[in-house]
């Protein structure tokens, strides 16, 4: 079980209360697909992903990015039990979709960059440490059903 300080818990809740899920989620997913093009293989049904402009303008990428942020909201609301909160998603991504768990780390890094850009100077080292700890716990929970 992960121990959260009051600062970490309050910081995570503050970040998620301030970001626009339908802006940040699509931006993070699009960044991941552009920067790490091999991750596109999991999105074959999304249509045109041939270049950065196509990815950024793709409504399916946008929708899934928002879905990802809404999924992270579940972790924010269940910070003391993230592993069980993501048990079904972990099974889905590992056994049905066969997503390489390293891709969760890549997406978390892209999300950190997007959030940092949105928060600017408020995204201090201490805030980043709390945010990345949270994302590391989520990534671990999502990857727990992989062998």
N, C-alpha and C. Protein backbone atom coordinates (compact mmCIF):
# COMPACT_ATOMS: atom_id res chain seq x y z
N UNK A 1 0.83 -1.18 0.00
CA UNK A 1 0.00 0.00 0.00
C UNK A 1 0.88 1.25 0.00
N UNK A 2 0.49 2.20 -0.79
CA UNK A 2 1.24 3.44 -0.91
C UNK A 2 0.82 4.40 0.20
N UNK A 3 1.80 5.03 0.77
CA UNK A 3 1.53 6.06 1.78
C UNK A 3 1.57 7.42 1.09
N UNK A 4 0.54 8.21 1.29
CA UNK A 4 0.45 9.55 0.72
C UNK A 4 0.55 10.57 1.82
N UNK A 5 1.40 11.57 1.64
CA UNK A 5 1.43 12.68 2.59
C UNK A 5 0.23 13.58 2.29
N UNK A 6 -0.10 14.43 3.23
CA UNK A 6 -1.19 15.38 2.99
C UNK A 6 -0.86 16.27 1.80
N UNK A 7 0.40 16.68 1.69
CA UNK A 7 0.81 17.52 0.56
C UNK A 7 0.58 16.79 -0.76
N UNK A 8 1.00 15.53 -0.84
CA UNK A 8 0.84 14.77 -2.08
C UNK A 8 -0.64 14.61 -2.43
N UNK A 9 -1.40 14.21 -1.46
CA UNK A 9 -2.84 13.99 -1.68
C UNK A 9 -3.52 15.30 -2.14
N UNK A 10 -3.24 16.39 -1.45
CA UNK A 10 -3.84 17.68 -1.80
C UNK A 10 -3.36 18.17 -3.16
N UNK A 11 -2.09 17.93 -3.46
CA UNK A 11 -1.53 18.36 -4.75
C UNK A 11 -2.19 17.62 -5.90
N UNK A 12 -2.34 16.32 -5.79
CA UNK A 12 -2.97 15.53 -6.85
C UNK A 12 -4.41 15.98 -7.04
N UNK A 13 -5.13 16.13 -5.96
CA UNK A 13 -6.52 16.57 -6.07
C UNK A 13 -6.62 17.96 -6.67
N UNK A 14 -5.70 18.84 -6.32
CA UNK A 14 -5.70 20.19 -6.87
C UNK A 14 -5.42 20.18 -8.37
N UNK A 15 -4.43 19.42 -8.79
CA UNK A 15 -4.10 19.35 -10.21
C UNK A 15 -5.31 18.88 -11.01
N UNK A 16 -5.92 17.80 -10.57
CA UNK A 16 -7.04 17.25 -11.33
C UNK A 16 -8.30 18.12 -11.26
N UNK A 17 -8.40 18.96 -10.25
CA UNK A 17 -9.55 19.86 -10.18
C UNK A 17 -9.37 21.06 -11.10
N UNK A 18 -8.14 21.31 -11.52
CA UNK A 18 -7.84 22.51 -12.32
C UNK A 18 -7.66 22.24 -13.81
N UNK A 19 -7.36 21.02 -14.18
CA UNK A 19 -7.11 20.77 -15.61
C UNK A 19 -8.40 20.42 -16.33
N UNK A 20 -8.42 20.77 -17.60
CA UNK A 20 -9.56 20.45 -18.46
C UNK A 20 -9.29 19.09 -19.10
N UNK A 21 -10.06 18.10 -18.69
CA UNK A 21 -9.83 16.73 -19.16
C UNK A 21 -9.90 16.63 -20.67
N UNK A 22 -10.83 17.39 -21.28
CA UNK A 22 -11.01 17.29 -22.73
C UNK A 22 -9.96 18.09 -23.51
N UNK A 23 -9.04 18.73 -22.82
CA UNK A 23 -7.92 19.42 -23.46
C UNK A 23 -6.62 18.67 -23.15
N UNK A 24 -6.40 18.39 -21.88
CA UNK A 24 -5.16 17.78 -21.43
C UNK A 24 -5.04 16.32 -21.88
N UNK A 25 -6.12 15.57 -21.76
CA UNK A 25 -6.09 14.16 -22.17
C UNK A 25 -5.75 13.98 -23.64
N UNK A 26 -6.48 14.65 -24.54
CA UNK A 26 -6.14 14.54 -25.96
C UNK A 26 -4.73 15.03 -26.28
N UNK A 27 -4.29 16.09 -25.63
CA UNK A 27 -2.94 16.61 -25.89
C UNK A 27 -1.87 15.60 -25.46
N UNK A 28 -2.08 14.96 -24.31
CA UNK A 28 -1.11 13.98 -23.82
C UNK A 28 -1.07 12.74 -24.71
N UNK A 29 -2.24 12.24 -25.09
CA UNK A 29 -2.26 11.05 -25.95
C UNK A 29 -1.68 11.38 -27.33
N UNK A 30 -2.04 12.52 -27.89
CA UNK A 30 -1.50 12.91 -29.19
C UNK A 30 0.03 13.03 -29.12
N UNK A 31 0.53 13.65 -28.06
CA UNK A 31 1.97 13.78 -27.89
C UNK A 31 2.63 12.41 -27.84
N UNK A 32 2.04 11.49 -27.12
CA UNK A 32 2.59 10.13 -27.02
C UNK A 32 2.64 9.46 -28.40
N UNK A 33 1.57 9.59 -29.16
CA UNK A 33 1.51 8.96 -30.48
C UNK A 33 2.48 9.59 -31.47
N UNK A 34 2.77 10.87 -31.31
CA UNK A 34 3.71 11.57 -32.20
C UNK A 34 5.15 11.27 -31.80
N UNK A 35 5.44 11.39 -30.51
CA UNK A 35 6.82 11.22 -30.02
C UNK A 35 7.25 9.76 -30.06
N UNK A 36 6.33 8.87 -29.78
CA UNK A 36 6.62 7.43 -29.76
C UNK A 36 5.72 6.75 -30.79
N UNK A 37 6.03 6.86 -32.06
CA UNK A 37 5.11 6.38 -33.11
C UNK A 37 4.77 4.89 -33.03
N UNK A 38 5.62 4.08 -32.41
CA UNK A 38 5.30 2.65 -32.30
C UNK A 38 4.07 2.41 -31.42
N UNK A 39 3.71 3.39 -30.60
CA UNK A 39 2.51 3.23 -29.78
C UNK A 39 1.23 3.29 -30.63
N UNK A 40 1.34 3.76 -31.86
CA UNK A 40 0.17 3.86 -32.74
C UNK A 40 -0.41 2.50 -33.09
N UNK A 41 0.38 1.46 -32.96
CA UNK A 41 -0.10 0.13 -33.36
C UNK A 41 -1.32 -0.34 -32.58
N UNK A 42 -1.54 0.25 -31.40
CA UNK A 42 -2.70 -0.11 -30.60
C UNK A 42 -3.96 0.65 -31.00
N UNK A 43 -3.81 1.55 -31.93
CA UNK A 43 -4.91 2.41 -32.33
C UNK A 43 -5.21 2.30 -33.82
N UNK A 44 -5.07 1.10 -34.35
CA UNK A 44 -5.29 0.86 -35.77
C UNK A 44 -6.67 1.24 -36.25
N UNK A 45 -7.66 1.17 -35.39
CA UNK A 45 -9.02 1.50 -35.77
C UNK A 45 -9.33 2.99 -35.70
N UNK A 46 -8.32 3.80 -35.40
CA UNK A 46 -8.54 5.24 -35.24
C UNK A 46 -8.41 6.01 -36.54
N UNK A 47 -8.13 5.33 -37.63
CA UNK A 47 -8.04 6.03 -38.91
C UNK A 47 -6.69 6.69 -39.12
N UNK A 48 -6.70 7.89 -39.67
CA UNK A 48 -5.50 8.59 -40.09
C UNK A 48 -4.63 9.01 -38.90
N UNK A 49 -3.49 8.36 -38.79
CA UNK A 49 -2.48 8.72 -37.79
C UNK A 49 -1.13 8.92 -38.48
N UNK A 50 -1.16 9.42 -39.72
CA UNK A 50 0.02 9.45 -40.57
C UNK A 50 1.02 10.54 -40.22
N UNK A 51 0.57 11.59 -39.56
CA UNK A 51 1.50 12.66 -39.17
C UNK A 51 0.94 13.39 -37.95
N UNK A 52 1.74 14.31 -37.43
CA UNK A 52 1.35 15.00 -36.20
C UNK A 52 0.03 15.75 -36.35
N UNK A 53 -0.16 16.41 -37.48
CA UNK A 53 -1.40 17.17 -37.67
C UNK A 53 -2.60 16.25 -37.70
N UNK A 54 -2.46 15.10 -38.37
CA UNK A 54 -3.57 14.14 -38.44
C UNK A 54 -3.89 13.58 -37.05
N UNK A 55 -2.86 13.30 -36.28
CA UNK A 55 -3.06 12.75 -34.94
C UNK A 55 -3.75 13.78 -34.04
N UNK A 56 -3.26 15.01 -34.07
CA UNK A 56 -3.82 16.06 -33.22
C UNK A 56 -5.26 16.39 -33.60
N UNK A 57 -5.60 16.22 -34.88
CA UNK A 57 -6.94 16.53 -35.34
C UNK A 57 -7.88 15.34 -35.36
N UNK A 58 -7.41 14.19 -34.94
CA UNK A 58 -8.20 12.96 -35.01
C UNK A 58 -9.21 12.93 -33.85
N UNK A 59 -10.51 12.90 -34.16
CA UNK A 59 -11.51 12.92 -33.09
C UNK A 59 -11.47 11.67 -32.19
N UNK A 60 -11.02 10.54 -32.73
CA UNK A 60 -10.95 9.33 -31.90
C UNK A 60 -9.80 9.42 -30.90
N UNK A 61 -8.70 10.03 -31.32
CA UNK A 61 -7.58 10.27 -30.39
C UNK A 61 -8.05 11.21 -29.29
N UNK A 62 -8.74 12.26 -29.68
CA UNK A 62 -9.25 13.22 -28.71
C UNK A 62 -10.19 12.56 -27.71
N UNK A 63 -11.11 11.76 -28.22
CA UNK A 63 -12.08 11.09 -27.34
C UNK A 63 -11.39 10.14 -26.37
N UNK A 64 -10.42 9.36 -26.90
CA UNK A 64 -9.74 8.40 -26.03
C UNK A 64 -8.86 9.13 -25.00
N UNK A 65 -8.26 10.24 -25.39
CA UNK A 65 -7.48 11.02 -24.45
C UNK A 65 -8.32 11.51 -23.28
N UNK A 66 -9.54 11.94 -23.59
CA UNK A 66 -10.47 12.37 -22.54
C UNK A 66 -10.86 11.18 -21.66
N UNK A 67 -11.06 10.03 -22.28
CA UNK A 67 -11.39 8.81 -21.54
C UNK A 67 -10.26 8.45 -20.57
N UNK A 68 -9.03 8.61 -21.01
CA UNK A 68 -7.88 8.32 -20.16
C UNK A 68 -7.89 9.22 -18.92
N UNK A 69 -8.13 10.51 -19.14
CA UNK A 69 -8.15 11.44 -18.00
C UNK A 69 -9.31 11.13 -17.06
N UNK A 70 -10.45 10.76 -17.61
CA UNK A 70 -11.56 10.35 -16.75
C UNK A 70 -11.20 9.09 -15.97
N UNK A 71 -10.44 8.20 -16.58
CA UNK A 71 -9.96 7.02 -15.88
C UNK A 71 -9.01 7.37 -14.75
N UNK A 72 -8.15 8.35 -14.99
CA UNK A 72 -7.25 8.80 -13.93
C UNK A 72 -8.01 9.44 -12.78
N UNK A 73 -9.13 10.05 -13.11
CA UNK A 73 -9.97 10.64 -12.07
C UNK A 73 -10.43 9.57 -11.07
N UNK A 74 -10.65 8.37 -11.57
CA UNK A 74 -11.01 7.26 -10.67
C UNK A 74 -9.91 7.00 -9.66
N UNK A 75 -8.65 7.10 -10.11
CA UNK A 75 -7.53 6.90 -9.20
C UNK A 75 -7.43 8.03 -8.18
N UNK A 76 -7.71 9.25 -8.61
CA UNK A 76 -7.69 10.40 -7.70
C UNK A 76 -8.71 10.18 -6.58
N UNK A 77 -9.86 9.65 -6.94
CA UNK A 77 -10.93 9.44 -5.96
C UNK A 77 -10.71 8.19 -5.10
N UNK A 78 -9.74 7.36 -5.51
CA UNK A 78 -9.46 6.11 -4.78
C UNK A 78 -7.95 5.96 -4.54
N UNK A 79 -7.32 7.02 -4.09
CA UNK A 79 -5.86 7.00 -3.96
C UNK A 79 -5.35 5.94 -2.99
N UNK A 80 -6.17 5.49 -2.08
CA UNK A 80 -5.74 4.48 -1.13
C UNK A 80 -5.95 3.06 -1.65
N UNK A 81 -6.51 2.92 -2.83
CA UNK A 81 -6.76 1.58 -3.39
C UNK A 81 -6.69 1.60 -4.91
N UNK A 82 -5.65 2.20 -5.45
CA UNK A 82 -5.51 2.32 -6.90
C UNK A 82 -5.38 0.96 -7.56
N UNK A 83 -4.69 0.04 -6.93
CA UNK A 83 -4.50 -1.29 -7.53
C UNK A 83 -5.83 -1.97 -7.81
N UNK A 84 -6.70 -2.00 -6.83
CA UNK A 84 -8.01 -2.63 -7.04
C UNK A 84 -8.90 -1.80 -7.96
N UNK A 85 -8.74 -0.50 -7.92
CA UNK A 85 -9.52 0.39 -8.79
C UNK A 85 -9.24 0.07 -10.26
N UNK A 86 -8.00 -0.30 -10.56
CA UNK A 86 -7.60 -0.57 -11.95
C UNK A 86 -7.48 -2.05 -12.29
N UNK A 87 -7.97 -2.92 -11.44
CA UNK A 87 -7.83 -4.36 -11.69
C UNK A 87 -8.42 -4.77 -13.04
N UNK A 88 -9.65 -4.34 -13.33
CA UNK A 88 -10.28 -4.73 -14.60
C UNK A 88 -9.57 -4.11 -15.79
N UNK A 89 -9.17 -2.85 -15.68
CA UNK A 89 -8.44 -2.20 -16.77
C UNK A 89 -7.11 -2.88 -17.03
N UNK A 90 -6.46 -3.31 -15.97
CA UNK A 90 -5.19 -4.01 -16.12
C UNK A 90 -5.37 -5.31 -16.90
N UNK A 91 -6.39 -6.06 -16.55
CA UNK A 91 -6.67 -7.31 -17.27
C UNK A 91 -7.01 -7.01 -18.72
N UNK A 92 -7.85 -6.03 -18.96
CA UNK A 92 -8.24 -5.66 -20.33
C UNK A 92 -7.01 -5.32 -21.17
N UNK A 93 -6.15 -4.45 -20.65
CA UNK A 93 -4.99 -4.01 -21.42
C UNK A 93 -3.94 -5.09 -21.59
N UNK A 94 -3.82 -6.00 -20.63
CA UNK A 94 -2.80 -7.04 -20.74
C UNK A 94 -3.29 -8.24 -21.53
N UNK A 95 -4.48 -8.74 -21.22
CA UNK A 95 -4.94 -10.00 -21.80
C UNK A 95 -5.72 -9.85 -23.10
N UNK A 96 -6.47 -8.78 -23.24
CA UNK A 96 -7.27 -8.62 -24.46
C UNK A 96 -6.56 -7.72 -25.48
N UNK A 97 -6.08 -6.59 -25.03
CA UNK A 97 -5.49 -5.62 -25.96
C UNK A 97 -4.00 -5.84 -26.17
N UNK A 98 -3.36 -6.57 -25.27
CA UNK A 98 -1.93 -6.88 -25.35
C UNK A 98 -1.06 -5.63 -25.47
N UNK A 99 -1.38 -4.63 -24.67
CA UNK A 99 -0.62 -3.39 -24.66
C UNK A 99 0.68 -3.60 -23.88
N UNK A 100 1.78 -3.20 -24.48
CA UNK A 100 3.07 -3.26 -23.80
C UNK A 100 3.00 -2.32 -22.59
N UNK A 101 3.24 -2.82 -21.38
CA UNK A 101 3.10 -1.97 -20.19
C UNK A 101 4.05 -0.77 -20.18
N UNK A 102 5.13 -0.83 -20.92
CA UNK A 102 6.03 0.33 -21.00
C UNK A 102 5.33 1.54 -21.62
N UNK A 103 4.30 1.29 -22.41
CA UNK A 103 3.58 2.40 -23.03
C UNK A 103 2.84 3.25 -21.99
N UNK A 104 2.46 2.65 -20.89
CA UNK A 104 1.81 3.42 -19.83
C UNK A 104 2.80 4.45 -19.26
N UNK A 105 4.07 4.05 -19.14
CA UNK A 105 5.10 4.97 -18.66
C UNK A 105 5.31 6.11 -19.64
N UNK A 106 5.31 5.77 -20.93
CA UNK A 106 5.49 6.80 -21.95
C UNK A 106 4.34 7.81 -21.92
N UNK A 107 3.13 7.30 -21.79
CA UNK A 107 1.97 8.18 -21.72
C UNK A 107 2.02 9.04 -20.45
N UNK A 108 2.44 8.45 -19.34
CA UNK A 108 2.56 9.21 -18.09
C UNK A 108 3.58 10.33 -18.25
N UNK A 109 4.68 10.08 -18.94
CA UNK A 109 5.67 11.13 -19.18
C UNK A 109 5.08 12.25 -20.03
N UNK A 110 4.33 11.87 -21.06
CA UNK A 110 3.71 12.88 -21.92
C UNK A 110 2.67 13.68 -21.15
N UNK A 111 1.92 13.02 -20.29
CA UNK A 111 0.94 13.71 -19.47
C UNK A 111 1.63 14.70 -18.53
N UNK A 112 2.75 14.31 -17.97
CA UNK A 112 3.50 15.20 -17.09
C UNK A 112 3.93 16.46 -17.84
N UNK A 113 4.40 16.30 -19.05
CA UNK A 113 4.83 17.44 -19.86
C UNK A 113 3.65 18.38 -20.15
N UNK A 114 2.52 17.81 -20.52
CA UNK A 114 1.34 18.62 -20.83
C UNK A 114 0.85 19.36 -19.59
N UNK A 115 0.78 18.66 -18.46
CA UNK A 115 0.34 19.30 -17.22
C UNK A 115 1.32 20.40 -16.80
N UNK A 116 2.61 20.13 -16.92
CA UNK A 116 3.62 21.13 -16.58
C UNK A 116 3.44 22.39 -17.44
N UNK A 117 3.19 22.20 -18.71
CA UNK A 117 2.98 23.34 -19.60
C UNK A 117 1.75 24.14 -19.21
N UNK A 118 0.70 23.45 -18.80
CA UNK A 118 -0.55 24.12 -18.40
C UNK A 118 -0.39 24.88 -17.08
N UNK A 119 0.34 24.29 -16.13
CA UNK A 119 0.47 24.91 -14.81
C UNK A 119 1.62 25.91 -14.72
N UNK A 120 2.55 25.85 -15.65
CA UNK A 120 3.65 26.81 -15.67
C UNK A 120 4.47 26.79 -14.40
N UNK A 121 4.73 27.97 -13.86
CA UNK A 121 5.58 28.11 -12.68
C UNK A 121 5.01 27.44 -11.44
N UNK A 122 3.73 27.14 -11.46
CA UNK A 122 3.12 26.45 -10.31
C UNK A 122 3.52 24.98 -10.26
N UNK A 123 4.06 24.47 -11.36
CA UNK A 123 4.49 23.07 -11.42
C UNK A 123 5.92 22.99 -10.90
N UNK A 124 6.06 23.18 -9.61
CA UNK A 124 7.37 23.17 -8.95
C UNK A 124 7.91 21.74 -8.89
N UNK A 125 9.13 21.63 -8.43
CA UNK A 125 9.72 20.31 -8.26
C UNK A 125 8.93 19.45 -7.29
N UNK A 126 8.45 20.06 -6.23
CA UNK A 126 7.66 19.32 -5.24
C UNK A 126 6.33 18.85 -5.82
N UNK A 127 5.71 19.71 -6.62
CA UNK A 127 4.45 19.34 -7.27
C UNK A 127 4.70 18.22 -8.28
N UNK A 128 5.77 18.35 -9.05
CA UNK A 128 6.10 17.31 -10.01
C UNK A 128 6.37 15.99 -9.32
N UNK A 129 7.08 16.01 -8.21
CA UNK A 129 7.37 14.76 -7.49
C UNK A 129 6.09 14.08 -7.05
N UNK A 130 5.13 14.83 -6.53
CA UNK A 130 3.85 14.26 -6.11
C UNK A 130 3.09 13.70 -7.31
N UNK A 131 3.08 14.47 -8.40
CA UNK A 131 2.35 14.04 -9.60
C UNK A 131 2.96 12.77 -10.18
N UNK A 132 4.28 12.74 -10.27
CA UNK A 132 4.93 11.56 -10.83
C UNK A 132 4.82 10.35 -9.92
N UNK A 133 4.79 10.55 -8.62
CA UNK A 133 4.55 9.43 -7.71
C UNK A 133 3.17 8.85 -7.97
N UNK A 134 2.18 9.72 -8.11
CA UNK A 134 0.82 9.28 -8.40
C UNK A 134 0.78 8.49 -9.71
N UNK A 135 1.39 9.03 -10.76
CA UNK A 135 1.38 8.34 -12.05
C UNK A 135 2.13 7.02 -11.99
N UNK A 136 3.21 6.96 -11.22
CA UNK A 136 3.96 5.70 -11.07
C UNK A 136 3.10 4.63 -10.41
N UNK A 137 2.29 5.02 -9.44
CA UNK A 137 1.39 4.06 -8.79
C UNK A 137 0.34 3.58 -9.78
N UNK A 138 -0.19 4.49 -10.58
CA UNK A 138 -1.19 4.11 -11.59
C UNK A 138 -0.56 3.17 -12.62
N UNK A 139 0.62 3.51 -13.11
CA UNK A 139 1.31 2.68 -14.11
C UNK A 139 1.57 1.29 -13.54
N UNK A 140 1.99 1.22 -12.29
CA UNK A 140 2.23 -0.07 -11.64
C UNK A 140 0.94 -0.89 -11.54
N UNK A 141 -0.15 -0.23 -11.19
CA UNK A 141 -1.43 -0.92 -11.07
C UNK A 141 -1.90 -1.44 -12.43
N UNK A 142 -1.71 -0.63 -13.46
CA UNK A 142 -2.13 -1.06 -14.80
C UNK A 142 -1.27 -2.21 -15.33
N UNK A 143 -0.03 -2.26 -14.91
CA UNK A 143 0.87 -3.28 -15.41
C UNK A 143 0.96 -4.53 -14.58
N UNK A 144 0.15 -4.64 -13.56
CA UNK A 144 0.33 -5.76 -12.62
C UNK A 144 -0.11 -7.11 -13.17
N UNK A 145 -0.89 -7.18 -14.23
CA UNK A 145 -1.34 -8.47 -14.77
C UNK A 145 -0.45 -8.98 -15.90
N UNK A 146 0.67 -8.33 -16.11
CA UNK A 146 1.61 -8.77 -17.13
C UNK A 146 2.60 -9.75 -16.51
N UNK A 147 3.02 -10.71 -17.30
CA UNK A 147 3.99 -11.70 -16.81
C UNK A 147 5.39 -11.24 -17.05
